[in-house]
Amino acid sequence: MLASYLTGPSRAPNSNAPTDETALAQTIRPGDILLVDGKQRISTAIKYLTQSTWSHAALCIEATGDASGEPTRFVEADAVEGVRIVSVAEFAGLHTRICRPVGLSEPEIHSVIDFALAHVGDAYDLANVVDLARYLCPTPPVPSGWRRRMIALGSGEPTKAICSTLVAQAFQSIRYPILPEITRELMDDPECQGCVRDILHIRHHSLFTPRDFDVSPFFEVVKPTLAAGFDFRALNWHEPPGHNIVAQSGILPEA
């Protein structure tokens, strides 16, 4: 009952322009993460808690540049149906963003996709949503770094996940970084005295949110409108009476 309520339509206004479905299907590739600005009640809650535009993340598992629905497909975690496979039509009319990992080989991309596919049928982890709320809310009044260690990490069941935790696990399965914790240590190299190196520590997957893939320095942001070849000169603008602009030169007429 809670999941059904959370997935109901939200009354919150959504002012972001929807992504062109055809351009999205032509741009996205297997292994890409699709961030979604959802319109459900749970979407509004996640966006508020994370102070972000993005409420949902899905992993592209197959893409052929066809916007008709199949076979451009994604793995996502739905609060009612759990982890499932959906077509690109599921995100029609929504504002989205593509986050693309860099430098992955074909076998590595297949490993990420196979990990996600192995979890199709898993349940949605509502307990993790509660934990994220406890971490992201301003109470208790302690530093955010401490709050990560104070909360319970979801339900603790391996067959439950939310959208961002599933995607995070898939990439962590091949040790691809998202937002790792970084420490520095001295190198044990007699030819480089005083040299230091960065050591990456994997953050627990249950603490990832959709916005983390957007702000991660290890994912390329791909916008379908630009990837398809954007020419601002081809746009048709409405001009108020008495305010003509010379479109060809871009110069305003003298007063």
C-alpha atoms as a PDB file:
ATOM      1  CA  MET A   1       0.000   0.000   0.000  1.00  0.00           C
ATOM      2  CA  LEU A   2       2.858   2.377   0.817  1.00  0.00           C
ATOM      3  CA  ALA A   3       4.578   1.636  -2.486  1.00  0.00           C
ATOM      4  CA  SER A   4       1.351   2.220  -4.420  1.00  0.00           C
ATOM      5  CA  TYR A   5       0.867   5.559  -2.701  1.00  0.00           C
ATOM      6  CA  LEU A   6       4.471   6.642  -3.307  1.00  0.00           C
ATOM      7  CA  THR A   7       4.230   5.890  -7.021  1.00  0.00           C
ATOM      8  CA  GLY A   8       1.083   7.965  -7.450  1.00  0.00           C
ATOM      9  CA  PRO A   9       1.248  11.246  -9.389  1.00  0.00           C
ATOM     10  CA  SER A  10       2.717  14.233  -7.604  1.00  0.00           C
ATOM     11  CA  ARG A  11       1.056  17.657  -7.578  1.00  0.00           C
ATOM     12  CA  ALA A  12       4.414  19.406  -7.485  1.00  0.00           C
ATOM     13  CA  PRO A  13       5.021  21.525 -10.612  1.00  0.00           C
ATOM     14  CA  ASN A  14       7.565  20.259 -13.116  1.00  0.00           C
ATOM     15  CA  SER A  15       9.031  23.114 -15.144  1.00  0.00           C
ATOM     16  CA  ASN A  16      11.902  21.248 -16.808  1.00  0.00           C
ATOM     17  CA  ALA A  17      11.476  20.609 -20.520  1.00  0.00           C
ATOM     18  CA  PRO A  18      10.939  16.948 -21.475  1.00  0.00           C
ATOM     19  CA  THR A  19      13.698  15.231 -23.415  1.00  0.00           C
ATOM     20  CA  ASP A  20      12.967  14.450 -27.050  1.00  0.00           C
ATOM     21  CA  GLU A  21      12.320  10.700 -27.107  1.00  0.00           C
ATOM     22  CA  THR A  22      13.709  10.221 -30.618  1.00  0.00           C
ATOM     23  CA  ALA A  23      16.937  12.081 -29.827  1.00  0.00           C
ATOM     24  CA  LEU A  24      17.286  10.115 -26.593  1.00  0.00           C
ATOM     25  CA  ALA A  25      16.922   6.760 -28.342  1.00  0.00           C
ATOM     26  CA  GLN A  26      19.425   7.786 -31.020  1.00  0.00           C
ATOM     27  CA  THR A  27      22.025   8.958 -28.487  1.00  0.00           C
ATOM     28  CA  ILE A  28      21.980   6.502 -25.605  1.00  0.00           C
ATOM     29  CA  ARG A  29      24.304   3.487 -25.562  1.00  0.00           C
ATOM     30  CA  PRO A  30      24.409   0.238 -23.571  1.00  0.00           C
ATOM     31  CA  GLY A  31      26.077   0.916 -20.239  1.00  0.00           C
ATOM     32  CA  ASP A  32      24.829   4.508 -20.050  1.00  0.00           C
ATOM     33  CA  ILE A  33      22.915   5.692 -16.997  1.00  0.00           C
ATOM     34  CA  LEU A  34      19.684   7.577 -17.614  1.00  0.00           C
ATOM     35  CA  LEU A  35      18.786  10.060 -14.880  1.00  0.00           C
ATOM     36  CA  VAL A  36      15.102  10.959 -14.728  1.00  0.00           C
ATOM     37  CA  ASP A  37      13.174  13.910 -13.321  1.00  0.00           C
ATOM     38  CA  GLY A  38      10.124  11.908 -12.259  1.00  0.00           C
ATOM     39  CA  LYS A  39       6.569  13.004 -11.526  1.00  0.00           C
ATOM     40  CA  GLN A  40       5.608  10.547  -8.768  1.00  0.00           C
ATOM     41  CA  ARG A  41       5.241  11.291  -5.059  1.00  0.00           C
ATOM     42  CA  ILE A  42       8.410   9.354  -4.302  1.00  0.00           C
ATOM     43  CA  SER A  43      10.161  11.354  -7.028  1.00  0.00           C
ATOM     44  CA  THR A  44       9.281  14.610  -5.303  1.00  0.00           C
ATOM     45  CA  ALA A  45      10.540  13.262  -1.982  1.00  0.00           C
ATOM     46  CA  ILE A  46      13.867  12.048  -3.408  1.00  0.00           C
ATOM     47  CA  LYS A  47      14.455  15.330  -5.248  1.00  0.00           C
ATOM     48  CA  TYR A  48      13.759  17.268  -2.040  1.00  0.00           C
ATOM     49  CA  LEU A  49      15.965  15.073   0.121  1.00  0.00           C
ATOM     50  CA  THR A  50      18.867  15.134  -2.332  1.00  0.00           C
ATOM     51  CA  GLN A  51      18.380  18.776  -3.355  1.00  0.00           C
ATOM     52  CA  SER A  52      18.617  17.645  -6.959  1.00  0.00           C
ATOM     53  CA  THR A  53      16.684  17.584 -10.216  1.00  0.00           C
ATOM     54  CA  TRP A  54      17.026  13.806 -10.474  1.00  0.00           C
ATOM     55  CA  SER A  55      14.790  11.311  -8.713  1.00  0.00           C
ATOM     56  CA  HIS A  56      15.485   8.106 -10.620  1.00  0.00           C
ATOM     57  CA  ALA A  57      18.284   6.232 -12.386  1.00  0.00           C
ATOM     58  CA  ALA A  58      18.056   3.455 -14.968  1.00  0.00           C
ATOM     59  CA  LEU A  59      20.755   1.456 -16.738  1.00  0.00           C
ATOM     60  CA  CYS A  60      20.604   1.119 -20.527  1.00  0.00           C
ATOM     61  CA  ILE A  61      21.083  -2.525 -21.483  1.00  0.00           C
ATOM     62  CA  GLU A  62      20.233  -2.387 -25.186  1.00  0.00           C
ATOM     63  CA  ALA A  63      20.026   0.454 -27.717  1.00  0.00           C
ATOM     64  CA  THR A  64      19.688   0.554 -31.480  1.00  0.00           C
ATOM     65  CA  GLY A  65      18.628   4.148 -32.065  1.00  0.00           C
ATOM     66  CA  ASP A  66      14.932   3.227 -32.370  1.00  0.00           C
ATOM     67  CA  ALA A  67      12.495   5.453 -30.456  1.00  0.00           C
ATOM     68  CA  SER A  68       9.473   3.195 -31.036  1.00  0.00           C
ATOM     69  CA  GLY A  69       9.981   1.398 -27.714  1.00  0.00           C
ATOM     70  CA  GLU A  70      11.786  -1.895 -28.234  1.00  0.00           C
ATOM     71  CA  PRO A  71      14.581  -2.811 -28.318  1.00  0.00           C
ATOM     72  CA  THR A  72      15.973   0.276 -26.517  1.00  0.00           C
ATOM     73  CA  ARG A  73      15.687  -1.134 -23.016  1.00  0.00           C
ATOM     74  CA  PHE A  74      16.646  -0.304 -19.457  1.00  0.00           C
ATOM     75  CA  VAL A  75      16.878  -2.016 -16.085  1.00  0.00           C
ATOM     76  CA  GLU A  76      15.275   0.003 -13.316  1.00  0.00           C
ATOM     77  CA  ALA A  77      13.931  -0.501  -9.793  1.00  0.00           C
ATOM     78  CA  ASP A  78      10.238   0.346  -9.414  1.00  0.00           C
ATOM     79  CA  ALA A  79       8.707   0.785  -5.952  1.00  0.00           C
ATOM     80  CA  VAL A  80       5.770  -1.501  -6.816  1.00  0.00           C
ATOM     81  CA  GLU A  81       7.127  -4.000  -9.351  1.00  0.00           C
ATOM     82  CA  GLY A  82      10.721  -4.126  -8.114  1.00  0.00           C
ATOM     83  CA  VAL A  83      13.675  -4.517 -10.479  1.00  0.00           C
ATOM     84  CA  ARG A  84      12.370  -4.818 -14.026  1.00  0.00           C
ATOM     85  CA  ILE A  85      13.148  -4.240 -17.704  1.00  0.00           C
ATOM     86  CA  VAL A  86      11.395  -1.325 -19.435  1.00  0.00           C
ATOM     87  CA  SER A  87      11.541   0.348 -22.834  1.00  0.00           C
ATOM     88  CA  VAL A  88      12.524   3.931 -23.580  1.00  0.00           C
ATOM     89  CA  ALA A  89       8.796   4.725 -23.833  1.00  0.00           C
ATOM     90  CA  GLU A  90       8.650   4.478 -20.016  1.00  0.00           C
ATOM     91  CA  PHE A  91      10.412   7.860 -19.830  1.00  0.00           C
ATOM     92  CA  ALA A  92       8.387   9.677 -22.506  1.00  0.00           C
ATOM     93  CA  GLY A  93       7.492  13.229 -21.529  1.00  0.00           C
ATOM     94  CA  LEU A  94      10.094  13.386 -18.752  1.00  0.00           C
ATOM     95  CA  HIS A  95      13.217  15.487 -18.380  1.00  0.00           C
ATOM     96  CA  THR A  96      16.255  13.180 -18.515  1.00  0.00           C
ATOM     97  CA  ARG A  97      20.040  13.199 -18.668  1.00  0.00           C
ATOM     98  CA  ILE A  98      22.529  10.625 -19.923  1.00  0.00           C
ATOM     99  CA  CYS A  99      25.600   9.895 -17.793  1.00  0.00           C
ATOM    100  CA  ARG A 100      28.181   7.858 -19.694  1.00  0.00           C
ATOM    101  CA  PRO A 101      31.097   5.932 -18.150  1.00  0.00           C
ATOM    102  CA  VAL A 102      34.408   6.528 -19.874  1.00  0.00           C
ATOM    103  CA  GLY A 103      36.970   3.996 -21.040  1.00  0.00           C
ATOM    104  CA  LEU A 104      35.003   0.790 -20.534  1.00  0.00           C
ATOM    105  CA  SER A 105      35.699  -2.127 -22.853  1.00  0.00           C
ATOM    106  CA  GLU A 106      32.883  -4.151 -24.385  1.00  0.00           C
ATOM    107  CA  PRO A 107      33.404  -7.042 -21.917  1.00  0.00           C
ATOM    108  CA  GLU A 108      33.287  -4.589 -19.003  1.00  0.00           C
ATOM    109  CA  ILE A 109      30.052  -3.036 -20.289  1.00  0.00           C
ATOM    110  CA  HIS A 110      28.577  -6.513 -20.631  1.00  0.00           C
ATOM    111  CA  SER A 111      29.640  -7.313 -17.060  1.00  0.00           C
ATOM    112  CA  VAL A 112      27.810  -4.233 -15.748  1.00  0.00           C
ATOM    113  CA  ILE A 113      24.691  -5.118 -17.735  1.00  0.00           C
ATOM    114  CA  ASP A 114      24.812  -8.789 -16.719  1.00  0.00           C
ATOM    115  CA  PHE A 115      25.023  -7.787 -13.046  1.00  0.00           C
ATOM    116  CA  ALA A 116      21.892  -5.653 -13.382  1.00  0.00           C
ATOM    117  CA  LEU A 117      20.033  -8.339 -15.339  1.00  0.00           C
ATOM    118  CA  ALA A 118      20.832 -10.899 -12.645  1.00  0.00           C
ATOM    119  CA  HIS A 119      18.799  -8.780 -10.205  1.00  0.00           C
ATOM    120  CA  VAL A 120      15.662  -8.510 -12.352  1.00  0.00           C
ATOM    121  CA  GLY A 121      12.799  -9.649 -10.145  1.00  0.00           C
ATOM    122  CA  ASP A 122      14.311  -8.352  -6.905  1.00  0.00           C
ATOM    123  CA  ALA A 123      12.033  -6.338  -4.625  1.00  0.00           C
ATOM    124  CA  TYR A 124      12.256  -2.583  -4.031  1.00  0.00           C
ATOM    125  CA  ASP A 125      14.002  -1.663  -0.783  1.00  0.00           C
ATOM    126  CA  LEU A 126      11.614   0.706   0.983  1.00  0.00           C
ATOM    127  CA  ALA A 127      13.736   0.447   4.130  1.00  0.00           C
ATOM    128  CA  ASN A 128      16.614   2.039   2.242  1.00  0.00           C
ATOM    129  CA  VAL A 129      14.437   5.032   1.351  1.00  0.00           C
ATOM    130  CA  VAL A 130      13.855   5.589   5.070  1.00  0.00           C
ATOM    131  CA  ASP A 131      17.586   5.333   5.722  1.00  0.00           C
ATOM    132  CA  LEU A 132      18.378   7.834   2.978  1.00  0.00           C
ATOM    133  CA  ALA A 133      15.902  10.238   4.562  1.00  0.00           C
ATOM    134  CA  ARG A 134      17.642   9.847   7.925  1.00  0.00           C
ATOM    135  CA  TYR A 135      21.007  10.532   6.332  1.00  0.00           C
ATOM    136  CA  LEU A 136      19.962  13.449   4.144  1.00  0.00           C
ATOM    137  CA  CYS A 137      17.726  15.305   6.606  1.00  0.00           C
ATOM    138  CA  PRO A 138      19.428  17.949   8.774  1.00  0.00           C
ATOM    139  CA  THR A 139      18.850  15.962  11.968  1.00  0.00           C
ATOM    140  CA  PRO A 140      20.643  14.729  13.984  1.00  0.00           C
ATOM    141  CA  PRO A 141      22.870  17.846  14.174  1.00  0.00           C
ATOM    142  CA  VAL A 142      26.178  16.113  13.444  1.00  0.00           C
ATOM    143  CA  PRO A 143      28.601  16.389  10.493  1.00  0.00           C
ATOM    144  CA  SER A 144      27.379  14.644   7.360  1.00  0.00           C
ATOM    145  CA  GLY A 145      30.403  12.336   7.365  1.00  0.00           C
ATOM    146  CA  TRP A 146      29.318  10.949  10.739  1.00  0.00           C
ATOM    147  CA  ARG A 147      25.716  10.521   9.645  1.00  0.00           C
ATOM    148  CA  ARG A 148      26.772   7.979   7.019  1.00  0.00           C
ATOM    149  CA  ARG A 149      28.038   5.705   9.774  1.00  0.00           C
ATOM    150  CA  MET A 150      25.103   6.245  12.127  1.00  0.00           C
ATOM    151  CA  ILE A 151      22.384   4.869   9.890  1.00  0.00           C
ATOM    152  CA  ALA A 152      21.430   1.295   9.159  1.00  0.00           C
ATOM    153  CA  LEU A 153      22.204   0.411   5.556  1.00  0.00           C
ATOM    154  CA  GLY A 154      18.821  -0.434   4.097  1.00  0.00           C
ATOM    155  CA  SER A 155      17.017  -3.644   4.854  1.00  0.00           C
ATOM    156  CA  GLY A 156      20.230  -5.636   4.613  1.00  0.00           C
ATOM    157  CA  GLU A 157      18.640  -8.099   2.211  1.00  0.00           C
ATOM    158  CA  PRO A 158      20.611  -8.749  -1.012  1.00  0.00           C
ATOM    159  CA  THR A 159      17.395  -9.230  -3.019  1.00  0.00           C
ATOM    160  CA  LYS A 160      16.176  -5.670  -2.412  1.00  0.00           C
ATOM    161  CA  ALA A 161      17.384  -2.426  -4.007  1.00  0.00           C
ATOM    162  CA  ILE A 162      16.421   1.070  -5.066  1.00  0.00           C
ATOM    163  CA  CYS A 163      17.260   2.457  -8.491  1.00  0.00           C
ATOM    164  CA  SER A 164      20.519   4.206  -7.630  1.00  0.00           C
ATOM    165  CA  THR A 165      21.840   1.436  -5.383  1.00  0.00           C
ATOM    166  CA  LEU A 166      21.330  -1.164  -8.107  1.00  0.00           C
ATOM    167  CA  VAL A 167      23.203   0.921 -10.680  1.00  0.00           C
ATOM    168  CA  ALA A 168      25.945   1.697  -8.163  1.00  0.00           C
ATOM    169  CA  GLN A 169      26.401  -2.006  -7.399  1.00  0.00           C
ATOM    170  CA  ALA A 170      26.606  -2.809 -11.101  1.00  0.00           C
ATOM    171  CA  PHE A 171      29.490  -0.386 -11.658  1.00  0.00           C
ATOM    172  CA  GLN A 172      31.206  -1.249  -8.392  1.00  0.00           C
ATOM    173  CA  SER A 173      31.194  -4.899  -9.524  1.00  0.00           C
ATOM    174  CA  ILE A 174      33.918  -3.943 -12.043  1.00  0.00           C
ATOM    175  CA  ARG A 175      35.453  -1.359  -9.659  1.00  0.00           C
ATOM    176  CA  TYR A 176      34.424   1.622 -11.773  1.00  0.00           C
ATOM    177  CA  PRO A 177      34.437   4.747  -9.537  1.00  0.00           C
ATOM    178  CA  ILE A 178      31.345   6.837  -8.871  1.00  0.00           C
ATOM    179  CA  LEU A 179      32.053   9.033  -5.834  1.00  0.00           C
ATOM    180  CA  PRO A 180      34.651   7.083  -3.852  1.00  0.00           C
ATOM    181  CA  GLU A 181      36.109   8.252  -0.581  1.00  0.00           C
ATOM    182  CA  ILE A 182      39.750   9.174  -1.195  1.00  0.00           C
ATOM    183  CA  THR A 183      42.666   9.043   1.247  1.00  0.00           C
ATOM    184  CA  ARG A 184      46.339   9.721   0.581  1.00  0.00           C
ATOM    185  CA  GLU A 185      49.355   7.720   1.675  1.00  0.00           C
ATOM    186  CA  LEU A 186      53.122   7.845   1.150  1.00  0.00           C
ATOM    187  CA  MET A 187      54.438   5.685  -1.670  1.00  0.00           C
ATOM    188  CA  ASP A 188      56.913   2.946  -0.806  1.00  0.00           C
ATOM    189  CA  ASP A 189      59.308   3.930  -3.565  1.00  0.00           C
ATOM    190  CA  PRO A 190      62.970   4.693  -2.738  1.00  0.00           C
ATOM    191  CA  GLU A 191      63.297   6.616  -5.998  1.00  0.00           C
ATOM    192  CA  CYS A 192      60.433   8.943  -5.095  1.00  0.00           C
ATOM    193  CA  GLN A 193      60.886  10.072  -1.510  1.00  0.00           C
ATOM    194  CA  GLY A 194      57.886  11.949  -0.149  1.00  0.00           C
ATOM    195  CA  CYS A 195      55.638  11.000  -3.075  1.00  0.00           C
ATOM    196  CA  VAL A 196      52.040  10.283  -2.207  1.00  0.00           C
ATOM    197  CA  ARG A 197      49.261   8.396  -3.982  1.00  0.00           C
ATOM    198  CA  ASP A 198      45.482   8.484  -3.787  1.00  0.00           C
ATOM    199  CA  ILE A 199      43.717   5.427  -2.387  1.00  0.00           C
ATOM    200  CA  LEU A 200      40.062   5.010  -3.383  1.00  0.00           C
ATOM    201  CA  HIS A 201      37.604   3.446  -0.950  1.00  0.00           C
ATOM    202  CA  ILE A 202      34.280   2.062  -2.189  1.00  0.00           C
ATOM    203  CA  ARG A 203      31.293   3.775  -0.599  1.00  0.00           C
ATOM    204  CA  HIS A 204      28.513   1.448   0.470  1.00  0.00           C
ATOM    205  CA  HIS A 205      26.111   1.109  -2.454  1.00  0.00           C
ATOM    206  CA  SER A 206      23.028   1.790  -0.327  1.00  0.00           C
ATOM    207  CA  LEU A 207      24.087   5.419   0.173  1.00  0.00           C
ATOM    208  CA  PHE A 208      24.123   6.408  -3.490  1.00  0.00           C
ATOM    209  CA  THR A 209      21.433   8.679  -4.905  1.00  0.00           C
ATOM    210  CA  PRO A 210      20.653   9.535  -8.555  1.00  0.00           C
ATOM    211  CA  ARG A 211      22.427  12.906  -8.327  1.00  0.00           C
ATOM    212  CA  ASP A 212      25.728  11.187  -7.504  1.00  0.00           C
ATOM    213  CA  PHE A 213      26.090  10.011 -11.096  1.00  0.00           C
ATOM    214  CA  ASP A 214      25.519  13.570 -12.327  1.00  0.00           C
ATOM    215  CA  VAL A 215      28.141  15.153 -10.056  1.00  0.00           C
ATOM    216  CA  SER A 216      30.634  12.284 -10.371  1.00  0.00           C
ATOM    217  CA  PRO A 217      33.822  13.349 -12.186  1.00  0.00           C
ATOM    218  CA  PHE A 218      33.999   9.894 -13.764  1.00  0.00           C
ATOM    219  CA  PHE A 219      30.841  10.077 -15.902  1.00  0.00           C
ATOM    220  CA  GLU A 220      30.413  12.170 -19.035  1.00  0.00           C
ATOM    221  CA  VAL A 221      27.178  14.146 -19.251  1.00  0.00           C
ATOM    222  CA  VAL A 222      25.601  13.613 -22.685  1.00  0.00           C
ATOM    223  CA  LYS A 223      22.691  15.782 -23.810  1.00  0.00           C
ATOM    224  CA  PRO A 224      20.774  14.316 -26.785  1.00  0.00           C
ATOM    225  CA  THR A 225      19.865  17.735 -28.190  1.00  0.00           C
ATOM    226  CA  LEU A 226      23.532  18.658 -28.523  1.00  0.00           C
ATOM    227  CA  ALA A 227      24.727  15.208 -29.570  1.00  0.00           C
ATOM    228  CA  ALA A 228      22.337  15.218 -32.527  1.00  0.00           C
ATOM    229  CA  GLY A 229      23.924  18.404 -33.902  1.00  0.00           C
ATOM    230  CA  PHE A 230      22.609  21.673 -32.463  1.00  0.00           C
ATOM    231  CA  ASP A 231      22.462  24.937 -34.413  1.00  0.00           C
ATOM    232  CA  PHE A 232      20.950  27.815 -32.448  1.00  0.00           C
ATOM    233  CA  ARG A 233      20.574  29.814 -35.681  1.00  0.00           C
ATOM    234  CA  ALA A 234      17.907  27.375 -36.866  1.00  0.00           C
ATOM    235  CA  LEU A 235      15.625  28.120 -33.923  1.00  0.00           C
ATOM    236  CA  ASN A 236      12.364  29.983 -34.476  1.00  0.00           C
ATOM    237  CA  TRP A 237      11.924  32.719 -31.883  1.00  0.00           C
ATOM    238  CA  HIS A 238       8.799  34.711 -31.135  1.00  0.00           C
ATOM    239  CA  GLU A 239       9.489  38.408 -31.562  1.00  0.00           C
ATOM    240  CA  PRO A 240       7.276  40.962 -29.787  1.00  0.00           C
ATOM    241  CA  PRO A 241       5.965  43.767 -32.046  1.00  0.00           C
ATOM    242  CA  GLY A 242       8.508  46.551 -32.539  1.00  0.00           C
ATOM    243  CA  HIS A 243      11.393  44.408 -31.330  1.00  0.00           C
ATOM    244  CA  ASN A 244      12.857  42.922 -34.504  1.00  0.00           C
ATOM    245  CA  ILE A 245      16.267  41.273 -34.463  1.00  0.00           C
ATOM    246  CA  VAL A 246      18.419  40.783 -37.511  1.00  0.00           C
ATOM    247  CA  ALA A 247      18.733  37.002 -37.174  1.00  0.00           C
ATOM    248  CA  GLN A 248      21.363  36.594 -39.858  1.00  0.00           C
ATOM    249  CA  SER A 249      23.955  38.870 -38.255  1.00  0.00           C
ATOM    250  CA  GLY A 250      22.831  38.695 -34.650  1.00  0.00           C
ATOM    251  CA  ILE A 251      23.064  42.522 -34.426  1.00  0.00           C
ATOM    252  CA  LEU A 252      20.367  44.610 -32.829  1.00  0.00           C
ATOM    253  CA  PRO A 253      19.158  47.522 -34.996  1.00  0.00           C
ATOM    254  CA  GLU A 254      20.126  50.980 -33.808  1.00  0.00           C
ATOM    255  CA  ALA A 255      17.580  52.918 -31.766  1.00  0.00           C
END
